């Protein structure tokens, strides 16, 4: 069962675990995200400046609310080491209601 809270999962990738950990801590400390998960082992293939690039990356997934989208997007953009960071947000259709309330409560205590 879901509630009226509009949750977002915001993702971005980093070159190193340390970069991801730094941003993750800042997002939680600044109450832009209630929880951030970091996953190593991401392998990316992409086109950049006319070349095909292949890199090992680290994926960051931040749990937040839609009300924080602009602030979290701006924070990641301004603090990310990449020239053009991937910053995408997904809205879960379903989620556990108590988890959603916890996220909302964590972010409201800014």
PDB file of N, CA and C in Angstrom:
ATOM      1  N   UNK A   1       0.839  -1.187   0.000  1.00  0.00           N
ATOM      2  CA  UNK A   1       0.000   0.000   0.000  1.00  0.00           C
ATOM      3  C   UNK A   1       0.882   1.248   0.000  1.00  0.00           C
ATOM      4  N   UNK A   2       0.570   2.198  -0.824  1.00  0.00           N
ATOM      5  CA  UNK A   2       1.343   3.436  -0.884  1.00  0.00           C
ATOM      6  C   UNK A   2       0.568   4.571  -0.234  1.00  0.00           C
ATOM      7  N   UNK A   3       1.275   5.618   0.091  1.00  0.00           N
ATOM      8  CA  UNK A   3       0.639   6.811   0.657  1.00  0.00           C
ATOM      9  C   UNK A   3       0.740   7.932  -0.358  1.00  0.00           C
ATOM     10  N   UNK A   4       0.454   9.146   0.077  1.00  0.00           N
ATOM     11  CA  UNK A   4       0.479  10.298  -0.824  1.00  0.00           C
ATOM     12  C   UNK A   4       1.864  10.914  -0.954  1.00  0.00           C
ATOM     13  N   UNK A   5       2.844  10.347  -0.295  1.00  0.00           N
ATOM     14  CA  UNK A   5       4.204  10.862  -0.373  1.00  0.00           C
ATOM     15  C   UNK A   5       4.757  10.548  -1.761  1.00  0.00           C
ATOM     16  N   UNK A   6       5.302  11.534  -2.430  1.00  0.00           N
ATOM     17  CA  UNK A   6       5.888  11.322  -3.750  1.00  0.00           C
ATOM     18  C   UNK A   6       7.387  11.079  -3.591  1.00  0.00           C
ATOM     19  N   UNK A   7       7.755   9.805  -3.557  1.00  0.00           N
ATOM     20  CA  UNK A   7       9.158   9.443  -3.388  1.00  0.00           C
ATOM     21  C   UNK A   7       9.905   9.503  -4.712  1.00  0.00           C
ATOM     22  N   UNK A   8      11.213   9.734  -4.612  1.00  0.00           N
ATOM     23  CA  UNK A   8      12.103   9.673  -5.770  1.00  0.00           C
ATOM     24  C   UNK A   8      13.319   8.845  -5.402  1.00  0.00           C
ATOM     25  N   UNK A   9      13.826   8.115  -6.381  1.00  0.00           N
ATOM     26  CA  UNK A   9      15.127   7.478  -6.284  1.00  0.00           C
ATOM     27  C   UNK A   9      15.996   8.206  -7.304  1.00  0.00           C
ATOM     28  N   UNK A  10      16.989   8.935  -6.810  1.00  0.00           N
ATOM     29  CA  UNK A  10      17.865   9.732  -7.669  1.00  0.00           C
ATOM     30  C   UNK A  10      19.170   8.963  -7.842  1.00  0.00           C
ATOM     31  N   UNK A  11      19.579   8.771  -9.102  1.00  0.00           N
ATOM     32  CA  UNK A  11      20.795   8.020  -9.370  1.00  0.00           C
ATOM     33  C   UNK A  11      21.827   8.878 -10.090  1.00  0.00           C
ATOM     34  N   UNK A  12      23.070   8.540  -9.826  1.00  0.00           N
ATOM     35  CA  UNK A  12      24.197   9.129 -10.530  1.00  0.00           C
ATOM     36  C   UNK A  12      25.360   8.146 -10.406  1.00  0.00           C
ATOM     37  N   UNK A  13      26.383   8.340 -11.188  1.00  0.00           N
ATOM     38  CA  UNK A  13      27.530   7.434 -11.125  1.00  0.00           C
ATOM     39  C   UNK A  13      28.814   8.235 -10.919  1.00  0.00           C
ATOM     40  N   UNK A  14      29.805   7.539 -10.342  1.00  0.00           N
ATOM     41  CA  UNK A  14      31.090   8.147 -10.046  1.00  0.00           C
ATOM     42  C   UNK A  14      32.214   7.227 -10.502  1.00  0.00           C
ATOM     43  N   UNK A  15      33.382   7.795 -10.645  1.00  0.00           N
ATOM     44  CA  UNK A  15      34.552   7.022 -11.044  1.00  0.00           C
ATOM     45  C   UNK A  15      35.088   6.181  -9.890  1.00  0.00           C
ATOM     46  N   UNK A  16      34.969   6.689  -8.648  1.00  0.00           N
ATOM     47  CA  UNK A  16      35.541   5.971  -7.514  1.00  0.00           C
ATOM     48  C   UNK A  16      34.528   5.827  -6.375  1.00  0.00           C
ATOM     49  N   UNK A  17      34.767   4.828  -5.547  1.00  0.00           N
ATOM     50  CA  UNK A  17      33.956   4.614  -4.351  1.00  0.00           C
ATOM     51  C   UNK A  17      34.059   5.818  -3.423  1.00  0.00           C
ATOM     52  N   UNK A  18      35.240   6.369  -3.270  1.00  0.00           N
ATOM     53  CA  UNK A  18      35.453   7.505  -2.379  1.00  0.00           C
ATOM     54  C   UNK A  18      34.629   8.715  -2.801  1.00  0.00           C
ATOM     55  N   UNK A  19      34.563   8.983  -4.103  1.00  0.00           N
ATOM     56  CA  UNK A  19      33.743  10.100  -4.595  1.00  0.00           C
ATOM     57  C   UNK A  19      32.279   9.877  -4.251  1.00  0.00           C
ATOM     58  N   UNK A  20      31.794   8.662  -4.476  1.00  0.00           N
ATOM     59  CA  UNK A  20      30.397   8.340  -4.186  1.00  0.00           C
ATOM     60  C   UNK A  20      30.112   8.448  -2.696  1.00  0.00           C
ATOM     61  N   UNK A  21      31.033   7.956  -1.859  1.00  0.00           N
ATOM     62  CA  UNK A  21      30.844   8.018  -0.412  1.00  0.00           C
ATOM     63  C   UNK A  21      30.792   9.462   0.080  1.00  0.00           C
ATOM     64  N   UNK A  22      31.635  10.313  -0.462  1.00  0.00           N
ATOM     65  CA  UNK A  22      31.653  11.722  -0.059  1.00  0.00           C
ATOM     66  C   UNK A  22      30.313  12.382  -0.345  1.00  0.00           C
ATOM     67  N   UNK A  23      29.814  12.221  -1.555  1.00  0.00           N
ATOM     68  CA  UNK A  23      28.528  12.828  -1.928  1.00  0.00           C
ATOM     69  C   UNK A  23      27.395  12.191  -1.134  1.00  0.00           C
ATOM     70  N   UNK A  24      27.431  10.877  -0.956  1.00  0.00           N
ATOM     71  CA  UNK A  24      26.378  10.187  -0.197  1.00  0.00           C
ATOM     72  C   UNK A  24      26.274  10.740   1.215  1.00  0.00           C
ATOM     73  N   UNK A  25      27.408  10.886   1.894  1.00  0.00           N
ATOM     74  CA  UNK A  25      27.403  11.427   3.259  1.00  0.00           C
ATOM     75  C   UNK A  25      26.829  12.848   3.281  1.00  0.00           C
ATOM     76  N   UNK A  26      27.238  13.663   2.316  1.00  0.00           N
ATOM     77  CA  UNK A  26      26.757  15.045   2.262  1.00  0.00           C
ATOM     78  C   UNK A  26      25.247  15.097   2.013  1.00  0.00           C
ATOM     79  N   UNK A  27      24.741  14.221   1.163  1.00  0.00           N
ATOM     80  CA  UNK A  27      23.301  14.197   0.894  1.00  0.00           C
ATOM     81  C   UNK A  27      22.513  13.858   2.149  1.00  0.00           C
ATOM     82  N   UNK A  28      22.996  12.884   2.912  1.00  0.00           N
ATOM     83  CA  UNK A  28      22.305  12.494   4.144  1.00  0.00           C
ATOM     84  C   UNK A  28      22.481  13.570   5.219  1.00  0.00           C
ATOM     85  N   UNK A  29      23.695  14.062   5.390  1.00  0.00           N
ATOM     86  CA  UNK A  29      23.953  15.101   6.400  1.00  0.00           C
ATOM     87  C   UNK A  29      23.128  16.359   6.137  1.00  0.00           C
ATOM     88  N   UNK A  30      22.964  16.721   4.870  1.00  0.00           N
ATOM     89  CA  UNK A  30      22.192  17.917   4.497  1.00  0.00           C
ATOM     90  C   UNK A  30      20.698  17.636   4.366  1.00  0.00           C
ATOM     91  N   UNK A  31      20.297  16.422   4.687  1.00  0.00           N
ATOM     92  CA  UNK A  31      18.894  15.988   4.639  1.00  0.00           C
ATOM     93  C   UNK A  31      18.260  16.180   3.267  1.00  0.00           C
ATOM     94  N   UNK A  32      19.080  15.968   2.240  1.00  0.00           N
ATOM     95  CA  UNK A  32      18.560  15.938   0.874  1.00  0.00           C
ATOM     96  C   UNK A  32      18.117  14.530   0.510  1.00  0.00           C
ATOM     97  N   UNK A  33      18.636  13.543   1.233  1.00  0.00           N
ATOM     98  CA  UNK A  33      18.257  12.142   1.057  1.00  0.00           C
ATOM     99  C   UNK A  33      18.214  11.492   2.430  1.00  0.00           C
ATOM    100  N   UNK A  34      17.260  10.581   2.609  1.00  0.00           N
ATOM    101  CA  UNK A  34      17.162   9.856   3.882  1.00  0.00           C
ATOM    102  C   UNK A  34      18.113   8.670   3.903  1.00  0.00           C
ATOM    103  N   UNK A  35      18.370   8.118   2.737  1.00  0.00           N
ATOM    104  CA  UNK A  35      19.204   6.926   2.608  1.00  0.00           C
ATOM    105  C   UNK A  35      19.884   6.974   1.251  1.00  0.00           C
ATOM    106  N   UNK A  36      21.147   6.566   1.227  1.00  0.00           N
ATOM    107  CA  UNK A  36      21.868   6.480  -0.047  1.00  0.00           C
ATOM    108  C   UNK A  36      22.552   5.125  -0.101  1.00  0.00           C
ATOM    109  N   UNK A  37      22.352   4.434  -1.197  1.00  0.00           N
ATOM    110  CA  UNK A  37      23.020   3.161  -1.408  1.00  0.00           C
ATOM    111  C   UNK A  37      24.062   3.330  -2.504  1.00  0.00           C
ATOM    112  N   UNK A  38      25.178   2.633  -2.330  1.00  0.00           N
ATOM    113  CA  UNK A  38      26.282   2.695  -3.283  1.00  0.00           C
ATOM    114  C   UNK A  38      26.570   1.283  -3.759  1.00  0.00           C
ATOM    115  N   UNK A  39      26.651   1.139  -5.062  1.00  0.00           N
ATOM    116  CA  UNK A  39      26.893  -0.181  -5.645  1.00  0.00           C
ATOM    117  C   UNK A  39      28.121  -0.116  -6.541  1.00  0.00           C
ATOM    118  N   UNK A  40      29.111  -0.936  -6.211  1.00  0.00           N
ATOM    119  CA  UNK A  40      30.303  -1.030  -7.043  1.00  0.00           C
ATOM    120  C   UNK A  40      30.075  -2.067  -8.139  1.00  0.00           C
ATOM    121  N   UNK A  41      30.967  -2.076  -9.120  1.00  0.00           N
ATOM    122  CA  UNK A  41      30.905  -3.090 -10.163  1.00  0.00           C
ATOM    123  C   UNK A  41      30.122  -2.675 -11.394  1.00  0.00           C
ATOM    124  N   UNK A  42      29.816  -1.411 -11.519  1.00  0.00           N
ATOM    125  CA  UNK A  42      29.113  -0.903 -12.690  1.00  0.00           C
ATOM    126  C   UNK A  42      30.117  -0.750 -13.829  1.00  0.00           C
ATOM    127  N   UNK A  43      29.768  -1.212 -14.996  1.00  0.00           N
ATOM    128  CA  UNK A  43      30.632  -1.058 -16.164  1.00  0.00           C
ATOM    129  C   UNK A  43      29.860  -0.275 -17.207  1.00  0.00           C
ATOM    130  N   UNK A  44      30.369   0.872 -17.593  1.00  0.00           N
ATOM    131  CA  UNK A  44      29.667   1.765 -18.516  1.00  0.00           C
ATOM    132  C   UNK A  44      30.383   1.849 -19.853  1.00  0.00           C
ATOM    133  N   UNK A  45      29.601   1.829 -20.898  1.00  0.00           N
ATOM    134  CA  UNK A  45      30.081   2.061 -22.264  1.00  0.00           C
ATOM    135  C   UNK A  45      29.261   3.232 -22.805  1.00  0.00           C
ATOM    136  N   UNK A  46      29.956   4.279 -23.231  1.00  0.00           N
ATOM    137  CA  UNK A  46      29.247   5.472 -23.666  1.00  0.00           C
ATOM    138  C   UNK A  46      30.080   6.224 -24.704  1.00  0.00           C
ATOM    139  N   UNK A  47      29.413   7.123 -25.391  1.00  0.00           N
ATOM    140  CA  UNK A  47      30.068   7.969 -26.371  1.00  0.00           C
ATOM    141  C   UNK A  47      30.327   9.332 -25.745  1.00  0.00           C
ATOM    142  N   UNK A  48      31.593   9.824 -25.861  1.00  0.00           N
ATOM    143  CA  UNK A  48      31.938  11.132 -25.310  1.00  0.00           C
ATOM    144  C   UNK A  48      32.972  11.783 -26.212  1.00  0.00           C
ATOM    145  N   UNK A  49      32.695  12.989 -26.660  1.00  0.00           N
ATOM    146  CA  UNK A  49      33.597  13.723 -27.545  1.00  0.00           C
ATOM    147  C   UNK A  49      33.984  12.906 -28.771  1.00  0.00           C
ATOM    148  N   UNK A  50      33.015  12.195 -29.334  1.00  0.00           N
ATOM    149  CA  UNK A  50      33.245  11.442 -30.561  1.00  0.00           C
ATOM    150  C   UNK A  50      33.970  10.122 -30.379  1.00  0.00           C
ATOM    151  N   UNK A  51      34.206   9.711 -29.145  1.00  0.00           N
ATOM    152  CA  UNK A  51      34.902   8.458 -28.874  1.00  0.00           C
ATOM    153  C   UNK A  51      34.010   7.519 -28.076  1.00  0.00           C
ATOM    154  N   UNK A  52      34.201   6.224 -28.259  1.00  0.00           N
ATOM    155  CA  UNK A  52      33.530   5.234 -27.428  1.00  0.00           C
ATOM    156  C   UNK A  52      34.412   4.998 -26.202  1.00  0.00           C
ATOM    157  N   UNK A  53      33.844   5.213 -25.034  1.00  0.00           N
ATOM    158  CA  UNK A  53      34.578   5.072 -23.773  1.00  0.00           C
ATOM    159  C   UNK A  53      34.025   3.891 -22.990  1.00  0.00           C
ATOM    160  N   UNK A  54      34.885   3.243 -22.249  1.00  0.00           N
ATOM    161  CA  UNK A  54      34.494   2.148 -21.369  1.00  0.00           C
ATOM    162  C   UNK A  54      35.150   2.390 -20.017  1.00  0.00           C
ATOM    163  N   UNK A  55      34.347   2.394 -18.958  1.00  0.00           N
ATOM    164  CA  UNK A  55      34.838   2.739 -17.623  1.00  0.00           C
ATOM    165  C   UNK A  55      34.176   1.875 -16.560  1.00  0.00           C
ATOM    166  N   UNK A  56      34.922   1.583 -15.512  1.00  0.00           N
ATOM    167  CA  UNK A  56      34.333   1.047 -14.295  1.00  0.00           C
ATOM    168  C   UNK A  56      33.797   2.232 -13.507  1.00  0.00           C
ATOM    169  N   UNK A  57      32.582   2.104 -12.997  1.00  0.00           N
ATOM    170  CA  UNK A  57      31.992   3.184 -12.221  1.00  0.00           C
ATOM    171  C   UNK A  57      31.313   2.625 -10.975  1.00  0.00           C
ATOM    172  N   UNK A  58      30.854   3.546 -10.142  1.00  0.00           N
ATOM    173  CA  UNK A  58      30.144   3.235  -8.916  1.00  0.00           C
ATOM    174  C   UNK A  58      28.791   3.934  -9.000  1.00  0.00           C
ATOM    175  N   UNK A  59      27.711   3.201  -8.725  1.00  0.00           N
ATOM    176  CA  UNK A  59      26.362   3.759  -8.815  1.00  0.00           C
ATOM    177  C   UNK A  59      25.883   4.219  -7.446  1.00  0.00           C
ATOM    178  N   UNK A  60      25.363   5.432  -7.379  1.00  0.00           N
ATOM    179  CA  UNK A  60      24.784   5.990  -6.165  1.00  0.00           C
ATOM    180  C   UNK A  60      23.279   6.100  -6.375  1.00  0.00           C
ATOM    181  N   UNK A  61      22.500   5.634  -5.417  1.00  0.00           N
ATOM    182  CA  UNK A  61      21.035   5.738  -5.452  1.00  0.00           C
ATOM    183  C   UNK A  61      20.569   6.403  -4.174  1.00  0.00           C
ATOM    184  N   UNK A  62      19.993   7.583  -4.289  1.00  0.00           N
ATOM    185  CA  UNK A  62      19.544   8.350  -3.130  1.00  0.00           C
ATOM    186  C   UNK A  62      18.023   8.306  -3.035  1.00  0.00           C
ATOM    187  N   UNK A  63      17.524   8.011  -1.823  1.00  0.00           N
ATOM    188  CA  UNK A  63      16.084   7.979  -1.582  1.00  0.00           C
ATOM    189  C   UNK A  63      15.670   9.327  -1.016  1.00  0.00           C
ATOM    190  N   UNK A  64      14.733   9.989  -1.700  1.00  0.00           N
ATOM    191  CA  UNK A  64      14.302  11.323  -1.319  1.00  0.00           C
ATOM    192  C   UNK A  64      12.835  11.503  -1.708  1.00  0.00           C
ATOM    193  N   UNK A  65      12.362  12.742  -1.673  1.00  0.00           N
ATOM    194  CA  UNK A  65      11.001  13.048  -2.103  1.00  0.00           C
ATOM    195  C   UNK A  65      11.042  13.995  -3.306  1.00  0.00           C
ATOM    196  N   UNK A  66       9.947  14.034  -4.029  1.00  0.00           N
ATOM    197  CA  UNK A  66       9.862  14.901  -5.209  1.00  0.00           C
ATOM    198  C   UNK A  66      10.062  16.367  -4.827  1.00  0.00           C
ATOM    199  N   UNK A  67       9.677  16.731  -3.620  1.00  0.00           N
ATOM    200  CA  UNK A  67       9.842  18.117  -3.171  1.00  0.00           C
ATOM    201  C   UNK A  67      11.312  18.527  -3.114  1.00  0.00           C
ATOM    202  N   UNK A  68      12.210  17.562  -2.989  1.00  0.00           N
ATOM    203  CA  UNK A  68      13.642  17.854  -2.915  1.00  0.00           C
ATOM    204  C   UNK A  68      14.358  17.749  -4.259  1.00  0.00           C
ATOM    205  N   UNK A  69      13.651  17.463  -5.334  1.00  0.00           N
ATOM    206  CA  UNK A  69      14.286  17.201  -6.620  1.00  0.00           C
ATOM    207  C   UNK A  69      15.236  18.330  -7.038  1.00  0.00           C
ATOM    208  N   UNK A  70      14.763  19.549  -7.082  1.00  0.00           N
ATOM    209  CA  UNK A  70      15.614  20.650  -7.575  1.00  0.00           C
ATOM    210  C   UNK A  70      16.838  20.831  -6.700  1.00  0.00           C
ATOM    211  N   UNK A  71      16.668  20.746  -5.396  1.00  0.00           N
ATOM    212  CA  UNK A  71      17.786  20.949  -4.479  1.00  0.00           C
ATOM    213  C   UNK A  71      18.813  19.822  -4.594  1.00  0.00           C
ATOM    214  N   UNK A  72      18.358  18.574  -4.671  1.00  0.00           N
ATOM    215  CA  UNK A  72      19.294  17.450  -4.757  1.00  0.00           C
ATOM    216  C   UNK A  72      19.976  17.429  -6.129  1.00  0.00           C
ATOM    217  N   UNK A  73      19.223  17.749  -7.181  1.00  0.00           N
ATOM    218  CA  UNK A  73      19.806  17.801  -8.527  1.00  0.00           C
ATOM    219  C   UNK A  73      20.898  18.862  -8.592  1.00  0.00           C
ATOM    220  N   UNK A  74      20.613  20.039  -8.058  1.00  0.00           N
ATOM    221  CA  UNK A  74      21.580  21.132  -8.056  1.00  0.00           C
ATOM    222  C   UNK A  74      22.812  20.781  -7.223  1.00  0.00           C
ATOM    223  N   UNK A  75      22.593  20.176  -6.053  1.00  0.00           N
ATOM    224  CA  UNK A  75      23.709  19.799  -5.188  1.00  0.00           C
ATOM    225  C   UNK A  75      24.633  18.804  -5.886  1.00  0.00           C
ATOM    226  N   UNK A  76      24.046  17.754  -6.469  1.00  0.00           N
ATOM    227  CA  UNK A  76      24.868  16.754  -7.161  1.00  0.00           C
ATOM    228  C   UNK A  76      25.607  17.398  -8.324  1.00  0.00           C
ATOM    229  N   UNK A  77      24.902  18.176  -9.121  1.00  0.00           N
ATOM    230  CA  UNK A  77      25.524  18.833 -10.282  1.00  0.00           C
ATOM    231  C   UNK A  77      26.705  19.713  -9.855  1.00  0.00           C
ATOM    232  N   UNK A  78      26.518  20.488  -8.798  1.00  0.00           N
ATOM    233  CA  UNK A  78      27.558  21.424  -8.349  1.00  0.00           C
ATOM    234  C   UNK A  78      28.741  20.743  -7.666  1.00  0.00           C
ATOM    235  N   UNK A  79      28.553  19.528  -7.171  1.00  0.00           N
ATOM    236  CA  UNK A  79      29.604  18.852  -6.408  1.00  0.00           C
ATOM    237  C   UNK A  79      30.155  17.610  -7.097  1.00  0.00           C
ATOM    238  N   UNK A  80      29.696  17.331  -8.287  1.00  0.00           N
ATOM    239  CA  UNK A  80      30.101  16.125  -9.013  1.00  0.00           C
ATOM    240  C   UNK A  80      31.392  16.381  -9.788  1.00  0.00           C
ATOM    241  N   UNK A  81      32.310  15.413  -9.804  1.00  0.00           N
ATOM    242  CA  UNK A  81      33.570  15.624 -10.532  1.00  0.00           C
ATOM    243  C   UNK A  81      33.443  15.543 -12.059  1.00  0.00           C
ATOM    244  N   UNK A  82      32.356  14.956 -12.576  1.00  0.00           N
ATOM    245  CA  UNK A  82      32.199  14.831 -14.027  1.00  0.00           C
ATOM    246  C   UNK A  82      31.759  16.158 -14.642  1.00  0.00           C
ATOM    247  N   UNK A  83      32.164  16.406 -15.887  1.00  0.00           N
ATOM    248  CA  UNK A  83      31.709  17.592 -16.611  1.00  0.00           C
ATOM    249  C   UNK A  83      30.197  17.565 -16.828  1.00  0.00           C
ATOM    250  N   UNK A  84      29.676  16.383 -17.145  1.00  0.00           N
ATOM    251  CA  UNK A  84      28.246  16.210 -17.385  1.00  0.00           C
ATOM    252  C   UNK A  84      27.781  14.960 -16.639  1.00  0.00           C
ATOM    253  N   UNK A  85      27.449  15.116 -15.356  1.00  0.00           N
ATOM    254  CA  UNK A  85      27.043  13.939 -14.591  1.00  0.00           C
ATOM    255  C   UNK A  85      25.654  13.452 -14.991  1.00  0.00           C
ATOM    256  N   UNK A  86      25.506  12.144 -14.954  1.00  0.00           N
ATOM    257  CA  UNK A  86      24.183  11.537 -15.105  1.00  0.00           C
ATOM    258  C   UNK A  86      23.441  11.781 -13.797  1.00  0.00           C
ATOM    259  N   UNK A  87      22.322  12.472 -13.869  1.00  0.00           N
ATOM    260  CA  UNK A  87      21.472  12.675 -12.698  1.00  0.00           C
ATOM    261  C   UNK A  87      20.052  12.372 -13.151  1.00  0.00           C
ATOM    262  N   UNK A  88      19.537  11.238 -12.721  1.00  0.00           N
ATOM    263  CA  UNK A  88      18.189  10.826 -13.126  1.00  0.00           C
ATOM    264  C   UNK A  88      17.378  10.487 -11.891  1.00  0.00           C
ATOM    265  N   UNK A  89      16.072  10.720 -11.984  1.00  0.00           N
ATOM    266  CA  UNK A  89      15.179  10.405 -10.877  1.00  0.00           C
ATOM    267  C   UNK A  89      14.061   9.503 -11.364  1.00  0.00           C
ATOM    268  N   UNK A  90      13.726   8.554 -10.516  1.00  0.00           N
ATOM    269  CA  UNK A  90      12.653   7.610 -10.804  1.00  0.00           C
ATOM    270  C   UNK A  90      11.651   7.650  -9.660  1.00  0.00           C
ATOM    271  N   UNK A  91      10.385   7.596 -10.001  1.00  0.00           N
ATOM    272  CA  UNK A  91       9.332   7.574  -9.002  1.00  0.00           C
ATOM    273  C   UNK A  91       8.818   6.150  -8.861  1.00  0.00           C
ATOM    274  N   UNK A  92       8.967   5.564  -7.679  1.00  0.00           N
ATOM    275  CA  UNK A  92       8.423   4.219  -7.500  1.00  0.00           C
ATOM    276  C   UNK A  92       6.897   4.253  -7.542  1.00  0.00           C
ATOM    277  N   UNK A  93       6.313   3.321  -8.227  1.00  0.00           N
ATOM    278  CA  UNK A  93       4.857   3.235  -8.297  1.00  0.00           C
ATOM    279  C   UNK A  93       4.305   2.718  -6.971  1.00  0.00           C
ATOM    280  N   UNK A  94       4.979   1.746  -6.430  1.00  0.00           N
ATOM    281  CA  UNK A  94       4.572   1.149  -5.156  1.00  0.00           C
ATOM    282  C   UNK A  94       5.766   1.134  -4.213  1.00  0.00           C
ATOM    283  N   UNK A  95       5.493   1.292  -2.935  1.00  0.00           N
ATOM    284  CA  UNK A  95       6.524   1.176  -1.908  1.00  0.00           C
ATOM    285  C   UNK A  95       5.832   0.943  -0.571  1.00  0.00           C
ATOM    286  N   UNK A  96       6.595   0.440   0.381  1.00  0.00           N
ATOM    287  CA  UNK A  96       6.068   0.161   1.702  1.00  0.00           C
ATOM    288  C   UNK A  96       5.768   1.475   2.404  1.00  0.00           C
ATOM    289  N   UNK A  97       4.547   1.645   2.871  1.00  0.00           N
ATOM    290  CA  UNK A  97       4.074   2.920   3.409  1.00  0.00           C
ATOM    291  C   UNK A  97       4.925   3.425   4.576  1.00  0.00           C
ATOM    292  N   UNK A  98       5.292   2.571   5.489  1.00  0.00           N
ATOM    293  CA  UNK A  98       6.100   3.022   6.629  1.00  0.00           C
ATOM    294  C   UNK A  98       7.471   3.509   6.178  1.00  0.00           C
ATOM    295  N   UNK A  99       8.034   2.874   5.154  1.00  0.00           N
ATOM    296  CA  UNK A  99       9.326   3.318   4.618  1.00  0.00           C
ATOM    297  C   UNK A  99       9.183   4.727   4.038  1.00  0.00           C
ATOM    298  N   UNK A 100       8.132   4.970   3.291  1.00  0.00           N
ATOM    299  CA  UNK A 100       7.887   6.295   2.735  1.00  0.00           C
ATOM    300  C   UNK A 100       7.725   7.357   3.809  1.00  0.00           C
ATOM    301  N   UNK A 101       7.018   7.003   4.875  1.00  0.00           N
ATOM    302  CA  UNK A 101       6.843   7.945   5.988  1.00  0.00           C
ATOM    303  C   UNK A 101       8.172   8.232   6.680  1.00  0.00           C
ATOM    304  N   UNK A 102       9.020   7.193   6.783  1.00  0.00           N
ATOM    305  CA  UNK A 102      10.340   7.390   7.386  1.00  0.00           C
ATOM    306  C   UNK A 102      11.175   8.360   6.554  1.00  0.00           C
ATOM    307  N   UNK A 103      11.177   8.170   5.226  1.00  0.00           N
ATOM    308  CA  UNK A 103      11.922   9.077   4.349  1.00  0.00           C
ATOM    309  C   UNK A 103      11.425  10.508   4.537  1.00  0.00           C
ATOM    310  N   UNK A 104      10.136  10.679   4.494  1.00  0.00           N
ATOM    311  CA  UNK A 104       9.548  12.015   4.640  1.00  0.00           C
ATOM    312  C   UNK A 104       9.932  12.639   5.984  1.00  0.00           C
ATOM    313  N   UNK A 105       9.855  11.863   7.061  1.00  0.00           N
ATOM    314  CA  UNK A 105      10.189  12.376   8.391  1.00  0.00           C
ATOM    315  C   UNK A 105      11.661  12.774   8.478  1.00  0.00           C
ATOM    316  N   UNK A 106      12.540  11.983   7.892  1.00  0.00           N
ATOM    317  CA  UNK A 106      13.975  12.308   7.912  1.00  0.00           C
ATOM    318  C   UNK A 106      14.262  13.615   7.183  1.00  0.00           C
ATOM    319  N   UNK A 107      13.574  13.842   6.091  1.00  0.00           N
ATOM    320  CA  UNK A 107      13.840  15.033   5.287  1.00  0.00           C
ATOM    321  C   UNK A 107      13.160  16.274   5.835  1.00  0.00           C
ATOM    322  N   UNK A 108      12.070  16.093   6.565  1.00  0.00           N
ATOM    323  CA  UNK A 108      11.365  17.235   7.146  1.00  0.00           C
ATOM    324  C   UNK A 108      12.117  17.835   8.319  1.00  0.00           C
ATOM    325  N   UNK A 109      13.020  17.070   8.908  1.00  0.00           N
ATOM    326  CA  UNK A 109      13.716  17.579  10.096  1.00  0.00           C
ATOM    327  C   UNK A 109      14.935  18.416   9.742  1.00  0.00           C
ATOM    328  N   UNK A 110      14.948  19.003   8.535  1.00  0.00           N
ATOM    329  CA  UNK A 110      16.044  19.891   8.114  1.00  0.00           C
ATOM    330  C   UNK A 110      16.085  21.112   9.014  1.00  0.00           C
TER     331      UNK A 110
END
